[in-house]
Each structure stands twice: as structure tokens, then as C-alpha cells.
Amino acid sequence: MQKHLFQFINLKDDHVHIPDGETGDLEEECQRYERLLAKEGPIDLQILGLGINGHIGFNEPGTAFDARTHVVNLTDSTREANAKFFDTKEEVPKQAITMGIGNIMESREIILLAFGEHKQPAIKQLMEGEVYEDFPASALLQHDRVSDLWREGQLNLRKLS
């Protein structure tokens, strides 16, 4: 995040909070992050990517909409999509810490990013407007302040749903 975003924007280091996925105790890190969110308040701006299976923030299909920060086992498709960030596929983590959909939905504003032709089926499914846990991104249709961006321009879910 530092390399691709934070170094380019005017954001104080003490305003950036990311769970430590390299800690020795992932469950404790989830609890620490939950305590931090409770203390600091909801996220001001949540930036999410849309997975080809509709996942957001590593919340895979079937994740409860009220889920809080938790450890997830990454699906093969998610690991493959992230392999480009590692030297070998073996280096791609099998687990991750993610904010739950409940945490995400508490954010004041959300930006959803989806780039590439391979995301078009997921975008289409999202735009159909059905809200269900097997397509996690559909929870965003219930949020008042979501913007989504893809190559064709900026769209607003509120105007399309």
C-alpha cells in the first residue's frame, strides 16, 4: 500500500492502519485490529477491489455480511490472481487477515475498483442488483456512499440500482 498509494497522497502515517499479516498470531492480530477500529471509529475511505468471484477485501463467497475482522483461507482463484505480486506461486499466502463485510459497511465512503475484461461478469452480476452472501460485493448495494470505477469511466451504484 505504501508503494502503490500512500507515498503519493497527503496522508499522515498515524492515519494508516493495516493489519499485520506477517504476525505469529493471526487471531490476536484480528482482535487488536478490532480494538483499534473501535477506538478510532469507522474507516473514512475504504478502497476495495472486486474479485472475479465477487469477493471484496478477501471476503470470499459465503462470508456473512455481519462478519468482523478475521482470518480467511484464500481460494485458489484468489491466490492465482495475486501470484503476480510474488516470485513463485509457493510464496503466495494461503491465509490472510481481512476486515469483515460488517467492518467495510461501516466505512463512511467506499470506492470499488474493477479493471479488466475478466472482471466484466462480476461487474454485470453486481449491477443486476441482487444482494446475497454468495456474492459478497452485493452488500455494497446497501451502502449509501459507494462509488465504483472501471476503465469505461466512473459509475455510481446509486444511479444504476
N, C-alpha and C. Protein backbone atom coordinates (compact mmCIF):
# COMPACT_ATOMS: atom_id res chain seq x y z
N MET A 1 0.83 -1.20 0.00
CA MET A 1 0.00 0.00 0.00
C MET A 1 0.87 1.25 0.00
N GLN A 2 1.97 1.20 0.75
CA GLN A 2 2.87 2.36 0.77
C GLN A 2 3.42 2.62 -0.62
N LYS A 3 3.87 1.55 -1.28
CA LYS A 3 4.50 1.67 -2.59
C LYS A 3 3.53 2.16 -3.66
N HIS A 4 2.29 1.68 -3.63
CA HIS A 4 1.35 1.96 -4.71
C HIS A 4 0.35 3.07 -4.42
N LEU A 5 0.22 3.51 -3.18
CA LEU A 5 -0.78 4.53 -2.88
C LEU A 5 -0.30 5.59 -1.90
N PHE A 6 0.05 5.18 -0.69
CA PHE A 6 0.28 6.14 0.38
C PHE A 6 1.38 7.14 0.10
N GLN A 7 2.43 6.73 -0.60
CA GLN A 7 3.52 7.66 -0.89
C GLN A 7 3.09 8.79 -1.83
N PHE A 8 1.97 8.63 -2.52
CA PHE A 8 1.52 9.61 -3.49
C PHE A 8 0.44 10.56 -2.97
N ILE A 9 -0.04 10.32 -1.77
CA ILE A 9 -1.11 11.16 -1.24
C ILE A 9 -0.69 11.79 0.08
N ASN A 10 -1.38 12.83 0.46
CA ASN A 10 -1.07 13.55 1.69
C ASN A 10 -1.83 12.90 2.85
N LEU A 11 -1.23 11.83 3.38
CA LEU A 11 -1.86 11.09 4.46
C LEU A 11 -0.81 10.82 5.52
N LYS A 12 -1.09 11.25 6.74
CA LYS A 12 -0.15 11.05 7.83
C LYS A 12 -0.04 9.56 8.17
N ASP A 13 1.17 9.14 8.50
CA ASP A 13 1.41 7.73 8.82
C ASP A 13 0.51 7.22 9.94
N ASP A 14 0.21 8.09 10.91
CA ASP A 14 -0.63 7.64 12.03
C ASP A 14 -2.11 7.55 11.67
N HIS A 15 -2.45 7.85 10.41
CA HIS A 15 -3.81 7.69 9.92
C HIS A 15 -3.96 6.45 9.04
N VAL A 16 -2.90 5.67 8.94
CA VAL A 16 -2.90 4.46 8.14
C VAL A 16 -2.87 3.26 9.08
N HIS A 17 -3.84 2.38 8.93
CA HIS A 17 -3.92 1.21 9.80
C HIS A 17 -4.21 -0.02 8.95
N ILE A 18 -3.24 -0.89 8.88
CA ILE A 18 -3.35 -2.13 8.11
C ILE A 18 -3.02 -3.29 9.04
N PRO A 19 -3.83 -4.34 9.04
CA PRO A 19 -3.49 -5.49 9.88
C PRO A 19 -2.13 -6.08 9.47
N ASP A 20 -1.41 -6.60 10.44
CA ASP A 20 -0.11 -7.20 10.21
C ASP A 20 -0.29 -8.67 9.86
N GLY A 21 -0.27 -8.98 8.58
CA GLY A 21 -0.46 -10.35 8.12
C GLY A 21 0.75 -11.23 8.31
N GLU A 22 1.85 -10.66 8.79
CA GLU A 22 3.06 -11.46 9.00
C GLU A 22 3.30 -11.76 10.48
N THR A 23 2.34 -11.42 11.32
CA THR A 23 2.46 -11.69 12.75
C THR A 23 2.42 -13.20 13.00
N GLY A 24 2.91 -13.60 14.14
CA GLY A 24 2.89 -15.01 14.51
C GLY A 24 1.53 -15.49 15.02
N ASP A 25 0.65 -14.56 15.37
CA ASP A 25 -0.66 -14.90 15.92
C ASP A 25 -1.74 -14.13 15.16
N LEU A 26 -2.25 -14.73 14.09
CA LEU A 26 -3.22 -14.04 13.24
C LEU A 26 -4.51 -13.71 13.98
N GLU A 27 -4.98 -14.62 14.82
CA GLU A 27 -6.23 -14.38 15.55
C GLU A 27 -6.08 -13.19 16.50
N GLU A 28 -4.97 -13.11 17.20
CA GLU A 28 -4.73 -11.97 18.10
C GLU A 28 -4.65 -10.68 17.31
N GLU A 29 -4.05 -10.72 16.13
CA GLU A 29 -3.96 -9.53 15.29
C GLU A 29 -5.36 -9.07 14.86
N CYS A 30 -6.24 -10.00 14.59
CA CYS A 30 -7.62 -9.63 14.26
C CYS A 30 -8.28 -8.90 15.43
N GLN A 31 -8.07 -9.42 16.63
CA GLN A 31 -8.65 -8.78 17.82
C GLN A 31 -8.04 -7.41 18.06
N ARG A 32 -6.72 -7.29 17.86
CA ARG A 32 -6.05 -5.99 18.02
C ARG A 32 -6.62 -4.98 17.03
N TYR A 33 -6.85 -5.42 15.80
CA TYR A 33 -7.38 -4.52 14.77
C TYR A 33 -8.81 -4.11 15.09
N GLU A 34 -9.60 -5.03 15.60
CA GLU A 34 -10.96 -4.70 16.01
C GLU A 34 -10.96 -3.66 17.13
N ARG A 35 -10.05 -3.82 18.09
CA ARG A 35 -9.94 -2.83 19.17
C ARG A 35 -9.55 -1.46 18.61
N LEU A 36 -8.65 -1.45 17.65
CA LEU A 36 -8.23 -0.20 17.01
C LEU A 36 -9.41 0.46 16.29
N LEU A 37 -10.18 -0.32 15.54
CA LEU A 37 -11.35 0.23 14.86
C LEU A 37 -12.36 0.79 15.86
N ALA A 38 -12.56 0.10 16.96
CA ALA A 38 -13.49 0.58 17.98
C ALA A 38 -13.00 1.90 18.58
N LYS A 39 -11.70 2.01 18.79
CA LYS A 39 -11.12 3.22 19.38
C LYS A 39 -11.12 4.39 18.40
N GLU A 40 -10.71 4.14 17.17
CA GLU A 40 -10.53 5.21 16.18
C GLU A 40 -11.81 5.57 15.43
N GLY A 41 -12.79 4.71 15.49
CA GLY A 41 -14.02 4.97 14.75
C GLY A 41 -14.00 4.30 13.40
N PRO A 42 -15.06 4.44 12.64
CA PRO A 42 -15.12 3.74 11.34
C PRO A 42 -14.09 4.30 10.35
N ILE A 43 -13.82 3.51 9.36
CA ILE A 43 -12.91 3.90 8.28
C ILE A 43 -13.53 5.07 7.51
N ASP A 44 -12.73 6.09 7.22
CA ASP A 44 -13.22 7.23 6.44
C ASP A 44 -13.41 6.85 4.98
N LEU A 45 -12.37 6.24 4.39
CA LEU A 45 -12.42 5.89 2.97
C LEU A 45 -11.90 4.47 2.79
N GLN A 46 -12.75 3.60 2.33
CA GLN A 46 -12.42 2.21 2.08
C GLN A 46 -12.25 2.03 0.57
N ILE A 47 -11.10 1.56 0.14
CA ILE A 47 -10.86 1.30 -1.28
C ILE A 47 -10.79 -0.20 -1.45
N LEU A 48 -11.65 -0.73 -2.30
CA LEU A 48 -11.77 -2.17 -2.49
C LEU A 48 -11.58 -2.54 -3.95
N GLY A 49 -11.09 -3.73 -4.17
CA GLY A 49 -11.09 -4.32 -5.50
C GLY A 49 -12.19 -5.36 -5.56
N LEU A 50 -12.71 -5.57 -6.75
CA LEU A 50 -13.74 -6.58 -6.97
C LEU A 50 -13.09 -7.83 -7.53
N GLY A 51 -13.24 -8.95 -6.83
CA GLY A 51 -12.71 -10.21 -7.31
C GLY A 51 -13.61 -10.82 -8.37
N ILE A 52 -13.07 -11.72 -9.17
CA ILE A 52 -13.86 -12.32 -10.24
C ILE A 52 -15.01 -13.15 -9.70
N ASN A 53 -14.90 -13.59 -8.45
CA ASN A 53 -16.00 -14.35 -7.83
C ASN A 53 -16.87 -13.46 -6.94
N GLY A 54 -16.65 -12.14 -7.02
CA GLY A 54 -17.44 -11.20 -6.22
C GLY A 54 -16.86 -10.92 -4.85
N HIS A 55 -15.66 -11.43 -4.58
CA HIS A 55 -15.11 -11.16 -3.25
C HIS A 55 -14.66 -9.71 -3.14
N ILE A 56 -14.70 -9.19 -1.94
CA ILE A 56 -14.19 -7.86 -1.61
C ILE A 56 -13.34 -8.00 -0.37
N GLY A 57 -12.15 -7.42 -0.39
CA GLY A 57 -11.27 -7.47 0.77
C GLY A 57 -11.01 -8.88 1.27
N PHE A 58 -10.88 -9.85 0.41
CA PHE A 58 -10.65 -11.26 0.77
C PHE A 58 -11.85 -11.89 1.47
N ASN A 59 -13.00 -11.24 1.44
CA ASN A 59 -14.22 -11.86 1.94
C ASN A 59 -14.80 -12.67 0.78
N GLU A 60 -14.58 -13.97 0.84
CA GLU A 60 -14.95 -14.88 -0.23
C GLU A 60 -16.46 -15.16 -0.21
N PRO A 61 -16.99 -15.71 -1.31
CA PRO A 61 -18.41 -16.07 -1.34
C PRO A 61 -18.81 -16.90 -0.13
N GLY A 62 -19.95 -16.56 0.45
CA GLY A 62 -20.46 -17.23 1.63
C GLY A 62 -20.12 -16.53 2.93
N THR A 63 -19.29 -15.49 2.88
CA THR A 63 -18.95 -14.74 4.09
C THR A 63 -20.19 -14.00 4.58
N ALA A 64 -20.47 -14.11 5.85
CA ALA A 64 -21.63 -13.42 6.42
C ALA A 64 -21.45 -11.91 6.30
N PHE A 65 -22.53 -11.22 6.00
CA PHE A 65 -22.47 -9.76 5.84
C PHE A 65 -22.15 -9.05 7.16
N ASP A 66 -22.33 -9.71 8.30
CA ASP A 66 -22.01 -9.08 9.58
C ASP A 66 -20.63 -9.50 10.10
N ALA A 67 -19.84 -10.18 9.27
CA ALA A 67 -18.50 -10.64 9.69
C ALA A 67 -17.60 -9.47 10.05
N ARG A 68 -16.77 -9.69 11.06
CA ARG A 68 -15.80 -8.71 11.52
C ARG A 68 -14.41 -9.14 11.05
N THR A 69 -13.38 -8.40 11.42
CA THR A 69 -12.01 -8.73 11.04
C THR A 69 -11.72 -10.18 11.39
N HIS A 70 -11.21 -10.93 10.40
CA HIS A 70 -10.99 -12.36 10.60
C HIS A 70 -9.90 -12.90 9.68
N VAL A 71 -9.47 -14.12 9.97
CA VAL A 71 -8.51 -14.84 9.14
C VAL A 71 -9.30 -15.62 8.10
N VAL A 72 -8.84 -15.56 6.86
CA VAL A 72 -9.50 -16.29 5.79
C VAL A 72 -8.51 -17.23 5.12
N ASN A 73 -9.04 -18.35 4.66
CA ASN A 73 -8.29 -19.24 3.78
C ASN A 73 -8.56 -18.77 2.36
N LEU A 74 -7.52 -18.41 1.65
CA LEU A 74 -7.69 -17.87 0.31
C LEU A 74 -8.01 -18.98 -0.69
N THR A 75 -8.96 -18.71 -1.57
CA THR A 75 -9.31 -19.68 -2.61
C THR A 75 -8.19 -19.75 -3.63
N ASP A 76 -8.19 -20.82 -4.40
CA ASP A 76 -7.18 -20.97 -5.45
C ASP A 76 -7.25 -19.81 -6.45
N SER A 77 -8.47 -19.38 -6.80
CA SER A 77 -8.59 -18.29 -7.77
C SER A 77 -8.04 -16.98 -7.22
N THR A 78 -8.23 -16.74 -5.94
CA THR A 78 -7.69 -15.53 -5.32
C THR A 78 -6.17 -15.61 -5.24
N ARG A 79 -5.65 -16.77 -4.91
CA ARG A 79 -4.19 -16.95 -4.86
C ARG A 79 -3.58 -16.77 -6.25
N GLU A 80 -4.23 -17.31 -7.25
CA GLU A 80 -3.74 -17.16 -8.63
C GLU A 80 -3.76 -15.70 -9.06
N ALA A 81 -4.80 -14.99 -8.70
CA ALA A 81 -4.91 -13.57 -9.07
C ALA A 81 -3.82 -12.74 -8.41
N ASN A 82 -3.35 -13.17 -7.26
CA ASN A 82 -2.33 -12.42 -6.53
C ASN A 82 -0.91 -12.95 -6.75
N ALA A 83 -0.76 -14.01 -7.52
CA ALA A 83 0.55 -14.61 -7.76
C ALA A 83 1.50 -13.64 -8.44
N LYS A 84 0.96 -12.69 -9.19
CA LYS A 84 1.82 -11.74 -9.90
C LYS A 84 2.63 -10.86 -8.95
N PHE A 85 2.24 -10.80 -7.68
CA PHE A 85 2.96 -10.00 -6.70
C PHE A 85 4.08 -10.77 -6.00
N PHE A 86 4.27 -12.03 -6.37
CA PHE A 86 5.27 -12.89 -5.74
C PHE A 86 6.15 -13.52 -6.81
N ASP A 87 7.33 -13.96 -6.40
CA ASP A 87 8.26 -14.59 -7.33
C ASP A 87 7.81 -15.97 -7.76
N THR A 88 7.21 -16.73 -6.85
CA THR A 88 6.72 -18.07 -7.17
C THR A 88 5.33 -18.26 -6.57
N LYS A 89 4.58 -19.19 -7.12
CA LYS A 89 3.23 -19.46 -6.60
C LYS A 89 3.29 -19.98 -5.16
N GLU A 90 4.37 -20.69 -4.83
CA GLU A 90 4.52 -21.22 -3.48
C GLU A 90 4.60 -20.11 -2.44
N GLU A 91 5.07 -18.94 -2.83
CA GLU A 91 5.20 -17.81 -1.91
C GLU A 91 3.86 -17.12 -1.63
N VAL A 92 2.85 -17.36 -2.45
CA VAL A 92 1.55 -16.71 -2.27
C VAL A 92 0.92 -17.26 -0.99
N PRO A 93 0.56 -16.38 -0.07
CA PRO A 93 -0.04 -16.87 1.20
C PRO A 93 -1.31 -17.67 0.96
N LYS A 94 -1.55 -18.60 1.86
CA LYS A 94 -2.78 -19.41 1.81
C LYS A 94 -3.84 -18.83 2.72
N GLN A 95 -3.42 -17.92 3.60
CA GLN A 95 -4.35 -17.24 4.50
C GLN A 95 -4.07 -15.75 4.48
N ALA A 96 -5.08 -14.99 4.90
CA ALA A 96 -4.93 -13.54 5.01
C ALA A 96 -5.82 -13.04 6.14
N ILE A 97 -5.52 -11.85 6.61
CA ILE A 97 -6.39 -11.15 7.54
C ILE A 97 -7.19 -10.16 6.71
N THR A 98 -8.47 -10.10 6.96
CA THR A 98 -9.30 -9.14 6.25
C THR A 98 -10.31 -8.50 7.19
N MET A 99 -10.62 -7.26 6.89
CA MET A 99 -11.77 -6.66 7.56
C MET A 99 -12.99 -7.42 7.07
N GLY A 100 -13.92 -7.65 7.95
CA GLY A 100 -15.14 -8.32 7.54
C GLY A 100 -16.06 -7.37 6.79
N ILE A 101 -17.06 -7.93 6.17
CA ILE A 101 -18.03 -7.11 5.44
C ILE A 101 -18.74 -6.16 6.39
N GLY A 102 -18.97 -6.60 7.63
CA GLY A 102 -19.56 -5.70 8.63
C GLY A 102 -18.71 -4.47 8.85
N ASN A 103 -17.38 -4.65 8.97
CA ASN A 103 -16.47 -3.51 9.11
C ASN A 103 -16.51 -2.62 7.87
N ILE A 104 -16.46 -3.25 6.72
CA ILE A 104 -16.45 -2.50 5.45
C ILE A 104 -17.71 -1.64 5.34
N MET A 105 -18.84 -2.21 5.68
CA MET A 105 -20.10 -1.49 5.55
C MET A 105 -20.22 -0.32 6.52
N GLU A 106 -19.40 -0.29 7.56
CA GLU A 106 -19.39 0.83 8.50
C GLU A 106 -18.55 2.00 7.98
N SER A 107 -17.80 1.78 6.91
CA SER A 107 -16.96 2.85 6.34
C SER A 107 -17.83 4.01 5.89
N ARG A 108 -17.29 5.21 6.05
CA ARG A 108 -18.05 6.40 5.67
C ARG A 108 -18.24 6.49 4.15
N GLU A 109 -17.21 6.11 3.41
CA GLU A 109 -17.26 6.16 1.94
C GLU A 109 -16.48 4.97 1.41
N ILE A 110 -16.95 4.41 0.30
CA ILE A 110 -16.31 3.24 -0.31
C ILE A 110 -16.09 3.50 -1.79
N ILE A 111 -14.91 3.14 -2.26
CA ILE A 111 -14.63 3.15 -3.70
C ILE A 111 -14.36 1.71 -4.09
N LEU A 112 -15.07 1.22 -5.10
CA LEU A 112 -14.89 -0.13 -5.61
C LEU A 112 -14.20 -0.05 -6.96
N LEU A 113 -13.07 -0.75 -7.08
CA LEU A 113 -12.30 -0.76 -8.32
C LEU A 113 -12.44 -2.12 -9.00
N ALA A 114 -12.59 -2.11 -10.31
CA ALA A 114 -12.65 -3.35 -11.09
C ALA A 114 -12.10 -3.04 -12.47
N PHE A 115 -10.96 -3.62 -12.78
CA PHE A 115 -10.31 -3.36 -14.06
C PHE A 115 -10.12 -4.66 -14.83
N GLY A 116 -10.31 -4.60 -16.12
CA GLY A 116 -10.02 -5.73 -17.00
C GLY A 116 -11.26 -6.47 -17.45
N GLU A 117 -11.12 -7.05 -18.64
CA GLU A 117 -12.22 -7.81 -19.24
C GLU A 117 -12.65 -8.98 -18.35
N HIS A 118 -11.70 -9.59 -17.66
CA HIS A 118 -12.02 -10.75 -16.83
C HIS A 118 -12.94 -10.40 -15.66
N LYS A 119 -13.08 -9.11 -15.36
CA LYS A 119 -13.97 -8.67 -14.27
C LYS A 119 -15.39 -8.38 -14.77
N GLN A 120 -15.59 -8.34 -16.09
CA GLN A 120 -16.89 -7.97 -16.62
C GLN A 120 -18.05 -8.85 -16.11
N PRO A 121 -17.89 -10.19 -16.02
CA PRO A 121 -19.01 -10.98 -15.47
C PRO A 121 -19.36 -10.59 -14.03
N ALA A 122 -18.34 -10.31 -13.21
CA ALA A 122 -18.61 -9.91 -11.82
C ALA A 122 -19.28 -8.54 -11.78
N ILE A 123 -18.84 -7.62 -12.63
CA ILE A 123 -19.47 -6.30 -12.70
C ILE A 123 -20.93 -6.44 -13.10
N LYS A 124 -21.17 -7.24 -14.13
CA LYS A 124 -22.54 -7.46 -14.60
C LYS A 124 -23.41 -8.04 -13.49
N GLN A 125 -22.89 -9.04 -12.79
CA GLN A 125 -23.64 -9.65 -11.70
C GLN A 125 -23.94 -8.62 -10.61
N LEU A 126 -22.98 -7.78 -10.29
CA LEU A 126 -23.19 -6.74 -9.28
C LEU A 126 -24.27 -5.77 -9.73
N MET A 127 -24.23 -5.38 -10.98
CA MET A 127 -25.18 -4.39 -11.48
C MET A 127 -26.60 -4.94 -11.58
N GLU A 128 -26.75 -6.26 -11.57
CA GLU A 128 -28.09 -6.85 -11.58
C GLU A 128 -28.84 -6.56 -10.29
N GLY A 129 -28.09 -6.23 -9.23
CA GLY A 129 -28.71 -5.70 -8.02
C GLY A 129 -29.20 -6.68 -6.99
N GLU A 130 -28.99 -7.97 -7.18
CA GLU A 130 -29.42 -8.94 -6.18
C GLU A 130 -28.40 -8.97 -5.05
N VAL A 131 -28.87 -8.90 -3.80
CA VAL A 131 -28.00 -8.87 -2.64
C VAL A 131 -28.04 -10.24 -1.97
N TYR A 132 -26.88 -10.92 -1.94
CA TYR A 132 -26.80 -12.22 -1.29
C TYR A 132 -25.35 -12.54 -0.93
N GLU A 133 -25.17 -13.34 0.14
CA GLU A 133 -23.85 -13.60 0.69
C GLU A 133 -22.94 -14.41 -0.23
N ASP A 134 -23.48 -15.13 -1.18
CA ASP A 134 -22.62 -15.86 -2.11
C ASP A 134 -21.96 -14.94 -3.13
N PHE A 135 -22.32 -13.67 -3.11
CA PHE A 135 -21.66 -12.65 -3.94
C PHE A 135 -21.38 -11.45 -3.02
N PRO A 136 -20.28 -11.50 -2.26
CA PRO A 136 -20.02 -10.52 -1.21
C PRO A 136 -20.12 -9.06 -1.64
N ALA A 137 -19.69 -8.73 -2.84
CA ALA A 137 -19.74 -7.33 -3.28
C ALA A 137 -21.16 -6.80 -3.30
N SER A 138 -22.14 -7.67 -3.38
CA SER A 138 -23.53 -7.21 -3.43
C SER A 138 -23.94 -6.48 -2.15
N ALA A 139 -23.24 -6.71 -1.05
CA ALA A 139 -23.52 -5.97 0.19
C ALA A 139 -23.37 -4.47 -0.05
N LEU A 140 -22.47 -4.09 -0.95
CA LEU A 140 -22.22 -2.67 -1.21
C LEU A 140 -23.45 -1.95 -1.76
N LEU A 141 -24.36 -2.69 -2.34
CA LEU A 141 -25.59 -2.08 -2.85
C LEU A 141 -26.44 -1.50 -1.73
N GLN A 142 -26.15 -1.91 -0.48
CA GLN A 142 -26.90 -1.42 0.67
C GLN A 142 -26.21 -0.26 1.37
N HIS A 143 -25.10 0.20 0.82
CA HIS A 143 -24.34 1.31 1.42
C HIS A 143 -24.71 2.60 0.70
N ASP A 144 -24.83 3.70 1.45
CA ASP A 144 -25.25 4.97 0.88
C ASP A 144 -24.18 5.72 0.10
N ARG A 145 -22.89 5.40 0.34
CA ARG A 145 -21.81 6.19 -0.25
C ARG A 145 -20.78 5.29 -0.92
N VAL A 146 -21.16 4.71 -2.06
CA VAL A 146 -20.26 3.85 -2.82
C VAL A 146 -20.07 4.45 -4.20
N SER A 147 -18.82 4.53 -4.61
CA SER A 147 -18.50 4.87 -6.00
C SER A 147 -17.76 3.68 -6.57
N ASP A 148 -18.00 3.38 -7.82
CA ASP A 148 -17.25 2.31 -8.45
C ASP A 148 -16.60 2.85 -9.71
N LEU A 149 -15.38 2.41 -9.93
CA LEU A 149 -14.59 2.91 -11.04
C LEU A 149 -14.11 1.73 -11.89
N TRP A 150 -14.25 1.81 -13.17
CA TRP A 150 -13.61 0.88 -14.08
C TRP A 150 -13.22 1.63 -15.33
N ARG A 151 -12.54 0.97 -16.21
CA ARG A 151 -11.91 1.64 -17.35
C ARG A 151 -12.87 2.49 -18.18
N GLU A 152 -14.11 2.10 -18.26
CA GLU A 152 -15.05 2.86 -19.08
C GLU A 152 -15.44 4.21 -18.48
N GLY A 153 -15.01 4.47 -17.30
CA GLY A 153 -15.36 5.74 -16.65
C GLY A 153 -15.86 5.51 -15.25
N GLN A 154 -16.38 6.53 -14.64
CA GLN A 154 -16.87 6.43 -13.28
C GLN A 154 -18.37 6.24 -13.30
N LEU A 155 -18.82 5.25 -12.59
CA LEU A 155 -20.24 4.96 -12.44
C LEU A 155 -20.59 5.05 -10.98
N ASN A 156 -21.84 5.29 -10.69
CA ASN A 156 -22.29 5.36 -9.30
C ASN A 156 -23.38 4.31 -9.10
N LEU A 157 -23.15 3.40 -8.16
CA LEU A 157 -24.12 2.35 -7.91
C LEU A 157 -25.50 2.88 -7.58
N ARG A 158 -25.55 4.03 -6.91
CA ARG A 158 -26.85 4.60 -6.53
C ARG A 158 -27.67 4.92 -7.79
N LYS A 159 -27.02 5.35 -8.84
CA LYS A 159 -27.74 5.73 -10.06
C LYS A 159 -28.14 4.52 -10.88
N LEU A 160 -27.45 3.39 -10.69
CA LEU A 160 -27.71 2.23 -11.50
C LEU A 160 -28.61 1.22 -10.84
N SER A 161 -28.73 1.26 -9.53
CA SER A 161 -29.53 0.22 -8.86
C SER A 161 -30.94 0.71 -8.61
